[in-house]
PDB file of N, CA and C in Angstrom:
ATOM      1  N   MET A   1     145.607 164.694 293.232  1.00  0.00           N
ATOM      2  CA  MET A   1     145.931 165.869 294.011  1.00  0.00           C
ATOM      3  C   MET A   1     144.845 166.091 295.063  1.00  0.00           C
ATOM      4  N   ALA A   2     145.243 166.273 296.290  1.00  0.00           N
ATOM      5  CA  ALA A   2     144.304 166.488 297.398  1.00  0.00           C
ATOM      6  C   ALA A   2     143.689 167.884 297.292  1.00  0.00           C
ATOM      7  N   PRO A   3     142.399 167.990 297.624  1.00  0.00           N
ATOM      8  CA  PRO A   3     141.770 169.307 297.554  1.00  0.00           C
ATOM      9  C   PRO A   3     142.316 170.256 298.607  1.00  0.00           C
ATOM     10  N   SER A   4     142.241 171.527 298.302  1.00  0.00           N
ATOM     11  CA  SER A   4     142.632 172.570 299.238  1.00  0.00           C
ATOM     12  C   SER A   4     141.352 173.134 299.856  1.00  0.00           C
ATOM     13  N   PHE A   5     141.361 173.381 301.162  1.00  0.00           N
ATOM     14  CA  PHE A   5     140.172 173.828 301.875  1.00  0.00           C
ATOM     15  C   PHE A   5     140.358 175.232 302.426  1.00  0.00           C
ATOM     16  N   GLU A   6     139.237 175.940 302.561  1.00  0.00           N
ATOM     17  CA  GLU A   6     139.232 177.243 303.214  1.00  0.00           C
ATOM     18  C   GLU A   6     137.870 177.429 303.873  1.00  0.00           C
ATOM     19  N   TRP A   7     137.808 178.391 304.809  1.00  0.00           N
ATOM     20  CA  TRP A   7     136.547 178.717 305.466  1.00  0.00           C
ATOM     21  C   TRP A   7     136.687 180.028 306.202  1.00  0.00           C
ATOM     22  N   ASP A   8     135.556 180.564 306.584  1.00  0.00           N
ATOM     23  CA  ASP A   8     135.492 181.782 307.381  1.00  0.00           C
ATOM     24  C   ASP A   8     135.673 181.378 308.843  1.00  0.00           C
ATOM     25  N   PRO A   9     136.681 181.913 309.535  1.00  0.00           N
ATOM     26  CA  PRO A   9     136.920 181.527 310.934  1.00  0.00           C
ATOM     27  C   PRO A   9     135.718 181.808 311.854  1.00  0.00           C
ATOM     28  N   ALA A  10     134.983 182.877 311.602  1.00  0.00           N
ATOM     29  CA  ALA A  10     133.811 183.184 312.430  1.00  0.00           C
ATOM     30  C   ALA A  10     132.718 182.128 312.228  1.00  0.00           C
ATOM     31  N   LYS A  11     132.532 181.688 310.980  1.00  0.00           N
ATOM     32  CA  LYS A  11     131.534 180.635 310.718  1.00  0.00           C
ATOM     33  C   LYS A  11     131.968 179.315 311.337  1.00  0.00           C
ATOM     34  N   ASP A  12     133.264 179.055 311.312  1.00  0.00           N
ATOM     35  CA  ASP A  12     133.802 177.838 311.929  1.00  0.00           C
ATOM     36  C   ASP A  12     133.492 177.839 313.429  1.00  0.00           C
ATOM     37  N   ALA A  13     133.757 178.953 314.090  1.00  0.00           N
ATOM     38  CA  ALA A  13     133.499 179.052 315.537  1.00  0.00           C
ATOM     39  C   ALA A  13     132.010 178.888 315.832  1.00  0.00           C
ATOM     40  N   ALA A  14     131.157 179.532 315.041  1.00  0.00           N
ATOM     41  CA  ALA A  14     129.707 179.417 315.236  1.00  0.00           C
ATOM     42  C   ALA A  14     129.235 177.982 314.993  1.00  0.00           C
ATOM     43  N   ASN A  15     129.803 177.323 314.004  1.00  0.00           N
ATOM     44  CA  ASN A  15     129.426 175.943 313.700  1.00  0.00           C
ATOM     45  C   ASN A  15     129.820 175.011 314.850  1.00  0.00           C
ATOM     46  N   GLN A  16     130.979 175.259 315.471  1.00  0.00           N
ATOM     47  CA  GLN A  16     131.412 174.438 316.597  1.00  0.00           C
ATOM     48  C   GLN A  16     130.450 174.573 317.774  1.00  0.00           C
ATOM     49  N   VAL A  17     129.967 175.789 318.011  1.00  0.00           N
ATOM     50  CA  VAL A  17     129.008 176.005 319.094  1.00  0.00           C
ATOM     51  C   VAL A  17     127.674 175.340 318.769  1.00  0.00           C
ATOM     52  N   ARG A  18     127.205 175.527 317.556  1.00  0.00           N
ATOM     53  CA  ARG A  18     125.878 175.039 317.169  1.00  0.00           C
ATOM     54  C   ARG A  18     125.826 173.531 316.923  1.00  0.00           C
ATOM     55  N   HIS A  19     126.845 172.993 316.246  1.00  0.00           N
ATOM     56  CA  HIS A  19     126.813 171.586 315.820  1.00  0.00           C
ATOM     57  C   HIS A  19     127.919 170.721 316.419  1.00  0.00           C
ATOM     58  N   GLY A  20     128.863 171.322 317.139  1.00  0.00           N
ATOM     59  CA  GLY A  20     129.920 170.547 317.772  1.00  0.00           C
ATOM     60  C   GLY A  20     130.969 169.999 316.821  1.00  0.00           C
ATOM     61  N   VAL A  21     131.090 170.598 315.635  1.00  0.00           N
ATOM     62  CA  VAL A  21     132.046 170.116 314.629  1.00  0.00           C
ATOM     63  C   VAL A  21     132.839 171.302 314.103  1.00  0.00           C
ATOM     64  N   SER A  22     134.161 171.164 314.099  1.00  0.00           N
ATOM     65  CA  SER A  22     135.002 172.209 313.506  1.00  0.00           C
ATOM     66  C   SER A  22     135.133 171.947 312.001  1.00  0.00           C
ATOM     67  N   PHE A  23     135.406 173.001 311.266  1.00  0.00           N
ATOM     68  CA  PHE A  23     135.598 172.835 309.826  1.00  0.00           C
ATOM     69  C   PHE A  23     136.885 172.067 309.531  1.00  0.00           C
ATOM     70  N   GLY A  24     137.844 172.120 310.448  1.00  0.00           N
ATOM     71  CA  GLY A  24     139.041 171.286 310.308  1.00  0.00           C
ATOM     72  C   GLY A  24     138.668 169.811 310.323  1.00  0.00           C
ATOM     73  N   GLU A  25     137.780 169.433 311.245  1.00  0.00           N
ATOM     74  CA  GLU A  25     137.288 168.048 311.296  1.00  0.00           C
ATOM     75  C   GLU A  25     136.458 167.712 310.062  1.00  0.00           C
ATOM     76  N   ALA A  26     135.704 168.699 309.570  1.00  0.00           N
ATOM     77  CA  ALA A  26     134.815 168.476 308.428  1.00  0.00           C
ATOM     78  C   ALA A  26     135.571 168.046 307.176  1.00  0.00           C
ATOM     79  N   GLN A  27     136.819 168.453 307.067  1.00  0.00           N
ATOM     80  CA  GLN A  27     137.634 168.050 305.913  1.00  0.00           C
ATOM     81  C   GLN A  27     137.735 166.537 305.787  1.00  0.00           C
ATOM     82  N   LEU A  28     137.675 165.848 306.926  1.00  0.00           N
ATOM     83  CA  LEU A  28     137.849 164.392 306.934  1.00  0.00           C
ATOM     84  C   LEU A  28     136.759 163.665 306.165  1.00  0.00           C
ATOM     85  N   ALA A  29     135.571 164.247 306.050  1.00  0.00           N
ATOM     86  CA  ALA A  29     134.482 163.609 305.298  1.00  0.00           C
ATOM     87  C   ALA A  29     134.871 163.414 303.833  1.00  0.00           C
ATOM     88  N   PHE A  30     135.700 164.305 303.312  1.00  0.00           N
ATOM     89  CA  PHE A  30     136.117 164.220 301.915  1.00  0.00           C
ATOM     90  C   PHE A  30     137.115 163.078 301.678  1.00  0.00           C
ATOM     91  N   LEU A  31     137.701 162.540 302.746  1.00  0.00           N
ATOM     92  CA  LEU A  31     138.650 161.433 302.614  1.00  0.00           C
ATOM     93  C   LEU A  31     137.973 160.079 302.488  1.00  0.00           C
ATOM     94  N   ASP A  32     136.683 160.013 302.812  1.00  0.00           N
ATOM     95  CA  ASP A  32     135.935 158.765 302.721  1.00  0.00           C
ATOM     96  C   ASP A  32     135.827 158.353 301.250  1.00  0.00           C
ATOM     97  N   ALA A  33     136.383 157.212 300.907  1.00  0.00           N
ATOM     98  CA  ALA A  33     136.332 156.728 299.519  1.00  0.00           C
ATOM     99  C   ALA A  33     134.893 156.512 299.051  1.00  0.00           C
ATOM    100  N   ASN A  34     133.971 156.308 299.976  1.00  0.00           N
ATOM    101  CA  ASN A  34     132.559 156.088 299.638  1.00  0.00           C
ATOM    102  C   ASN A  34     131.710 157.350 299.817  1.00  0.00           C
ATOM    103  N   ARG A  35     132.344 158.495 299.966  1.00  0.00           N
ATOM    104  CA  ARG A  35     131.594 159.739 300.183  1.00  0.00           C
ATOM    105  C   ARG A  35     130.585 159.951 299.053  1.00  0.00           C
ATOM    106  N   VAL A  36     129.546 160.700 299.378  1.00  0.00           N
ATOM    107  CA  VAL A  36     128.521 161.043 298.397  1.00  0.00           C
ATOM    108  C   VAL A  36     128.535 162.564 298.268  1.00  0.00           C
ATOM    109  N   ILE A  37     128.627 163.046 297.042  1.00  0.00           N
ATOM    110  CA  ILE A  37     128.571 164.483 296.767  1.00  0.00           C
ATOM    111  C   ILE A  37     127.251 164.760 296.053  1.00  0.00           C
ATOM    112  N   ALA A  38     126.510 165.753 296.558  1.00  0.00           N
ATOM    113  CA  ALA A  38     125.216 166.092 295.966  1.00  0.00           C
ATOM    114  C   ALA A  38     125.090 167.600 295.831  1.00  0.00           C
ATOM    115  N   ARG A  39     124.424 168.022 294.796  1.00  0.00           N
ATOM    116  CA  ARG A  39     124.164 169.448 294.579  1.00  0.00           C
ATOM    117  C   ARG A  39     123.102 169.920 295.563  1.00  0.00           C
ATOM    118  N   ASP A  40     123.280 171.109 296.133  1.00  0.00           N
ATOM    119  CA  ASP A  40     122.297 171.718 297.026  1.00  0.00           C
ATOM    120  C   ASP A  40     121.273 172.435 296.149  1.00  0.00           C
ATOM    121  N   VAL A  41     120.178 171.761 295.841  1.00  0.00           N
ATOM    122  CA  VAL A  41     119.169 172.327 294.945  1.00  0.00           C
ATOM    123  C   VAL A  41     118.284 173.360 295.634  1.00  0.00           C
ATOM    124  N   THR A  42     118.340 173.445 296.967  1.00  0.00           N
ATOM    125  CA  THR A  42     117.521 174.417 297.687  1.00  0.00           C
ATOM    126  C   THR A  42     118.182 175.781 297.777  1.00  0.00           C
ATOM    127  N   HIS A  43     119.465 175.852 297.492  1.00  0.00           N
ATOM    128  CA  HIS A  43     120.177 177.135 297.560  1.00  0.00           C
ATOM    129  C   HIS A  43     119.926 177.895 296.270  1.00  0.00           C
ATOM    130  N   SER A  44     119.382 179.094 296.399  1.00  0.00           N
ATOM    131  CA  SER A  44     119.015 179.858 295.208  1.00  0.00           C
ATOM    132  C   SER A  44     119.976 181.006 294.903  1.00  0.00           C
ATOM    133  N   GLY A  45     121.089 181.066 295.616  1.00  0.00           N
ATOM    134  CA  GLY A  45     122.052 182.141 295.404  1.00  0.00           C
ATOM    135  C   GLY A  45     122.809 181.992 294.098  1.00  0.00           C
ATOM    136  N   ALA A  46     123.627 182.972 293.807  1.00  0.00           N
ATOM    137  CA  ALA A  46     124.406 182.971 292.564  1.00  0.00           C
ATOM    138  C   ALA A  46     125.514 181.925 292.592  1.00  0.00           C
ATOM    139  N   GLU A  47     125.941 181.539 293.792  1.00  0.00           N
ATOM    140  CA  GLU A  47     127.039 180.587 293.928  1.00  0.00           C
ATOM    141  C   GLU A  47     126.481 179.174 294.113  1.00  0.00           C
ATOM    142  N   GLU A  48     126.929 178.240 293.286  1.00  0.00           N
ATOM    143  CA  GLU A  48     126.479 176.851 293.385  1.00  0.00           C
ATOM    144  C   GLU A  48     127.025 176.218 294.664  1.00  0.00           C
ATOM    145  N   ARG A  49     126.169 175.465 295.363  1.00  0.00           N
ATOM    146  CA  ARG A  49     126.570 174.813 296.609  1.00  0.00           C
ATOM    147  C   ARG A  49     126.312 173.324 296.536  1.00  0.00           C
ATOM    148  N   PHE A  50     127.066 172.597 297.383  1.00  0.00           N
ATOM    149  CA  PHE A  50     127.025 171.140 297.378  1.00  0.00           C
ATOM    150  C   PHE A  50     127.031 170.608 298.804  1.00  0.00           C
ATOM    151  N   TYR A  51     126.732 169.316 298.927  1.00  0.00           N
ATOM    152  CA  TYR A  51     126.867 168.582 300.177  1.00  0.00           C
ATOM    153  C   TYR A  51     127.849 167.448 299.960  1.00  0.00           C
ATOM    154  N   CYS A  52     128.641 167.184 300.977  1.00  0.00           N
ATOM    155  CA  CYS A  52     129.480 165.988 301.028  1.00  0.00           C
ATOM    156  C   CYS A  52     129.010 165.183 302.229  1.00  0.00           C
ATOM    157  N   PHE A  53     128.619 163.949 301.999  1.00  0.00           N
ATOM    158  CA  PHE A  53     128.237 163.029 303.069  1.00  0.00           C
ATOM    159  C   PHE A  53     129.356 161.998 303.164  1.00  0.00           C
ATOM    160  N   GLY A  54     130.067 161.989 304.293  1.00  0.00           N
ATOM    161  CA  GLY A  54     131.206 161.087 304.417  1.00  0.00           C
ATOM    162  C   GLY A  54     131.350 160.527 305.820  1.00  0.00           C
ATOM    163  N   GLN A  55     131.835 159.301 305.893  1.00  0.00           N
ATOM    164  CA  GLN A  55     132.045 158.608 307.163  1.00  0.00           C
ATOM    165  C   GLN A  55     133.320 159.131 307.820  1.00  0.00           C
ATOM    166  N   VAL A  56     133.200 159.510 309.093  1.00  0.00           N
ATOM    167  CA  VAL A  56     134.342 159.889 309.920  1.00  0.00           C
ATOM    168  C   VAL A  56     134.258 159.063 311.193  1.00  0.00           C
ATOM    169  N   ALA A  57     135.159 159.266 312.112  1.00  0.00           N
ATOM    170  CA  ALA A  57     135.219 158.424 313.316  1.00  0.00           C
ATOM    171  C   ALA A  57     133.904 158.393 314.094  1.00  0.00           C
ATOM    172  N   LEU A  58     133.199 159.517 314.189  1.00  0.00           N
ATOM    173  CA  LEU A  58     131.987 159.580 315.010  1.00  0.00           C
ATOM    174  C   LEU A  58     130.694 159.298 314.254  1.00  0.00           C
ATOM    175  N   GLY A  59     130.776 159.037 312.960  1.00  0.00           N
ATOM    176  CA  GLY A  59     129.568 158.750 312.180  1.00  0.00           C
ATOM    177  C   GLY A  59     129.626 159.404 310.814  1.00  0.00           C
ATOM    178  N   VAL A  60     128.460 159.544 310.190  1.00  0.00           N
ATOM    179  CA  VAL A  60     128.377 160.157 308.868  1.00  0.00           C
ATOM    180  C   VAL A  60     128.222 161.665 309.056  1.00  0.00           C
ATOM    181  N   LEU A  61     129.165 162.400 308.504  1.00  0.00           N
ATOM    182  CA  LEU A  61     129.195 163.847 308.625  1.00  0.00           C
ATOM    183  C   LEU A  61     128.668 164.473 307.332  1.00  0.00           C
ATOM    184  N   THR A  62     127.803 165.469 307.473  1.00  0.00           N
ATOM    185  CA  THR A  62     127.296 166.227 306.334  1.00  0.00           C
ATOM    186  C   THR A  62     128.032 167.556 306.294  1.00  0.00           C
ATOM    187  N   VAL A  63     128.652 167.854 305.149  1.00  0.00           N
ATOM    188  CA  VAL A  63     129.404 169.093 304.984  1.00  0.00           C
ATOM    189  C   VAL A  63     128.807 169.872 303.808  1.00  0.00           C
ATOM    190  N   ARG A  64     128.406 171.106 304.073  1.00  0.00           N
ATOM    191  CA  ARG A  64     127.906 171.980 303.007  1.00  0.00           C
ATOM    192  C   ARG A  64     129.082 172.824 302.539  1.00  0.00           C
ATOM    193  N   PHE A  65     129.255 172.915 301.203  1.00  0.00           N
ATOM    194  CA  PHE A  65     130.424 173.619 300.679  1.00  0.00           C
ATOM    195  C   PHE A  65     130.152 174.201 299.300  1.00  0.00           C
ATOM    196  N   THR A  66     131.061 175.024 298.861  1.00  0.00           N
ATOM    197  CA  THR A  66     131.061 175.550 297.506  1.00  0.00           C
ATOM    198  C   THR A  66     132.473 175.430 296.957  1.00  0.00           C
ATOM    199  N   LEU A  67     132.620 175.604 295.672  1.00  0.00           N
ATOM    200  CA  LEU A  67     133.942 175.563 295.042  1.00  0.00           C
ATOM    201  C   LEU A  67     134.314 176.969 294.610  1.00  0.00           C
ATOM    202  N   ARG A  68     135.474 177.407 295.018  1.00  0.00           N
ATOM    203  CA  ARG A  68     135.997 178.716 294.622  1.00  0.00           C
ATOM    204  C   ARG A  68     137.379 178.506 294.047  1.00  0.00           C
ATOM    205  N   GLU A  69     137.477 178.722 292.747  1.00  0.00           N
ATOM    206  CA  GLU A  69     138.701 178.452 292.000  1.00  0.00           C
ATOM    207  C   GLU A  69     139.085 177.003 292.236  1.00  0.00           C
ATOM    208  N   GLU A  70     140.212 176.746 292.815  1.00  0.00           N
ATOM    209  CA  GLU A  70     140.685 175.371 293.036  1.00  0.00           C
ATOM    210  C   GLU A  70     140.448 174.913 294.468  1.00  0.00           C
ATOM    211  N   ARG A  71     139.663 175.673 295.253  1.00  0.00           N
ATOM    212  CA  ARG A  71     139.505 175.377 296.678  1.00  0.00           C
ATOM    213  C   ARG A  71     138.074 174.985 297.035  1.00  0.00           C
ATOM    214  N   VAL A  72     137.972 174.126 298.044  1.00  0.00           N
ATOM    215  CA  VAL A  72     136.691 173.767 298.646  1.00  0.00           C
ATOM    216  C   VAL A  72     136.480 174.726 299.809  1.00  0.00           C
ATOM    217  N   ARG A  73     135.420 175.527 299.739  1.00  0.00           N
ATOM    218  CA  ARG A  73     135.107 176.465 300.840  1.00  0.00           C
ATOM    219  C   ARG A  73     133.980 175.859 301.660  1.00  0.00           C
ATOM    220  N   ILE A  74     134.293 175.480 302.903  1.00  0.00           N
ATOM    221  CA  ILE A  74     133.315 174.856 303.792  1.00  0.00           C
ATOM    222  C   ILE A  74     132.412 175.936 304.377  1.00  0.00           C
ATOM    223  N   ILE A  75     131.098 175.667 304.328  1.00  0.00           N
ATOM    224  CA  ILE A  75     130.095 176.614 304.788  1.00  0.00           C
ATOM    225  C   ILE A  75     129.435 176.147 306.084  1.00  0.00           C
ATOM    226  N   GLY A  76     129.296 174.841 306.244  1.00  0.00           N
ATOM    227  CA  GLY A  76     128.670 174.296 307.444  1.00  0.00           C
ATOM    228  C   GLY A  76     128.909 172.794 307.525  1.00  0.00           C
ATOM    229  N   ALA A  77     128.761 172.232 308.729  1.00  0.00           N
ATOM    230  CA  ALA A  77     128.976 170.800 308.915  1.00  0.00           C
ATOM    231  C   ALA A  77     128.279 170.332 310.182  1.00  0.00           C
ATOM    232  N   GLY A  78     127.795 169.103 310.139  1.00  0.00           N
ATOM    233  CA  GLY A  78     127.173 168.524 311.316  1.00  0.00           C
ATOM    234  C   GLY A  78     126.790 167.075 311.092  1.00  0.00           C
ATOM    235  N   PHE A  79     126.434 166.414 312.162  1.00  0.00           N
ATOM    236  CA  PHE A  79     125.973 165.026 312.108  1.00  0.00           C
ATOM    237  C   PHE A  79     124.449 165.051 312.043  1.00  0.00           C
ATOM    238  N   TRP A  80     123.912 165.018 310.833  1.00  0.00           N
ATOM    239  CA  TRP A  80     122.475 165.149 310.623  1.00  0.00           C
ATOM    240  C   TRP A  80     121.890 163.827 310.155  1.00  0.00           C
ATOM    241  N   ARG A  81     120.766 163.448 310.754  1.00  0.00           N
ATOM    242  CA  ARG A  81     120.124 162.168 310.413  1.00  0.00           C
ATOM    243  C   ARG A  81     119.839 162.049 308.919  1.00  0.00           C
ATOM    244  N   ARG A  82     119.379 163.135 308.329  1.00  0.00           N
ATOM    245  CA  ARG A  82     119.060 163.084 306.900  1.00  0.00           C
ATOM    246  C   ARG A  82     120.315 162.801 306.068  1.00  0.00           C
ATOM    247  N   GLY A  83     121.434 163.394 306.457  1.00  0.00           N
ATOM    248  CA  GLY A  83     122.687 163.136 305.755  1.00  0.00           C
ATOM    249  C   GLY A  83     123.108 161.683 305.859  1.00  0.00           C
ATOM    250  N   ARG A  84     122.948 161.116 307.052  1.00  0.00           N
ATOM    251  CA  ARG A  84     123.280 159.697 307.233  1.00  0.00           C
ATOM    252  C   ARG A  84     122.380 158.818 306.371  1.00  0.00           C
ATOM    253  N   LYS A  85     121.099 159.160 306.304  1.00  0.00           N
ATOM    254  CA  LYS A  85     120.162 158.373 305.505  1.00  0.00           C
ATOM    255  C   LYS A  85     120.524 158.440 304.015  1.00  0.00           C
ATOM    256  N   ILE A  86     120.852 159.624 303.535  1.00  0.00           N
ATOM    257  CA  ILE A  86     121.260 159.768 302.130  1.00  0.00           C
ATOM    258  C   ILE A  86     122.519 158.947 301.867  1.00  0.00           C
ATOM    259  N   TYR A  87     123.492 159.033 302.758  1.00  0.00           N
ATOM    260  CA  TYR A  87     124.739 158.283 302.611  1.00  0.00           C
ATOM    261  C   TYR A  87     124.466 156.782 302.556  1.00  0.00           C
ATOM    262  N   GLU A  88     123.688 156.294 303.514  1.00  0.00           N
ATOM    263  CA  GLU A  88     123.425 154.854 303.586  1.00  0.00           C
ATOM    264  C   GLU A  88     122.593 154.376 302.405  1.00  0.00           C
ATOM    265  N   THR A  89     121.644 155.175 301.961  1.00  0.00           N
ATOM    266  CA  THR A  89     120.809 154.789 300.828  1.00  0.00           C
ATOM    267  C   THR A  89     121.636 154.758 299.548  1.00  0.00           C
ATOM    268  N   HIS A  90     122.430 155.810 299.343  1.00  0.00           N
ATOM    269  CA  HIS A  90     123.231 155.894 298.131  1.00  0.00           C
ATOM    270  C   HIS A  90     124.324 154.836 298.090  1.00  0.00           C
ATOM    271  N   ARG A  91     124.917 154.581 299.231  1.00  0.00           N
ATOM    272  CA  ARG A  91     125.990 153.595 299.300  1.00  0.00           C
ATOM    273  C   ARG A  91     125.445 152.191 299.516  1.00  0.00           C
ATOM    274  N   LYS A  92     124.130 152.085 299.706  1.00  0.00           N
ATOM    275  CA  LYS A  92     123.453 150.802 299.927  1.00  0.00           C
ATOM    276  C   LYS A  92     124.045 150.066 301.128  1.00  0.00           C
ATOM    277  N   VAL A  93     124.214 150.826 302.219  1.00  0.00           N
ATOM    278  CA  VAL A  93     124.722 150.271 303.471  1.00  0.00           C
ATOM    279  C   VAL A  93     123.528 149.811 304.288  1.00  0.00           C
ATOM    280  N   HIS A  94     123.528 148.553 304.698  1.00  0.00           N
ATOM    281  CA  HIS A  94     122.431 148.024 305.507  1.00  0.00           C
ATOM    282  C   HIS A  94     122.984 147.564 306.831  1.00  0.00           C
ATOM    283  N   ARG A  95     122.234 147.863 307.882  1.00  0.00           N
ATOM    284  CA  ARG A  95     122.665 147.478 309.231  1.00  0.00           C
ATOM    285  C   ARG A  95     121.823 146.325 309.724  1.00  0.00           C
TER     286      ARG A  95
END
């Protein structure tokens, strides 16, 4: 069963301005069969957060998200060097 996604439209708009990625596009990272999911250990809030590092057309996309009931709630997304490094190291991709 494919995951269901949700997000705050205002955060989506702000993310597009800041990082050039819409949350609609960010969903595509979850389709990567080699995606890497990691717990966000720096987030100290009551809600557990995660990262998805996945290959999309323009490169490795890092998506920050949480799980709410049966849905993936996207919090942020961007093409970050650290995310690409984690993806390549974990997937053992060498160029």
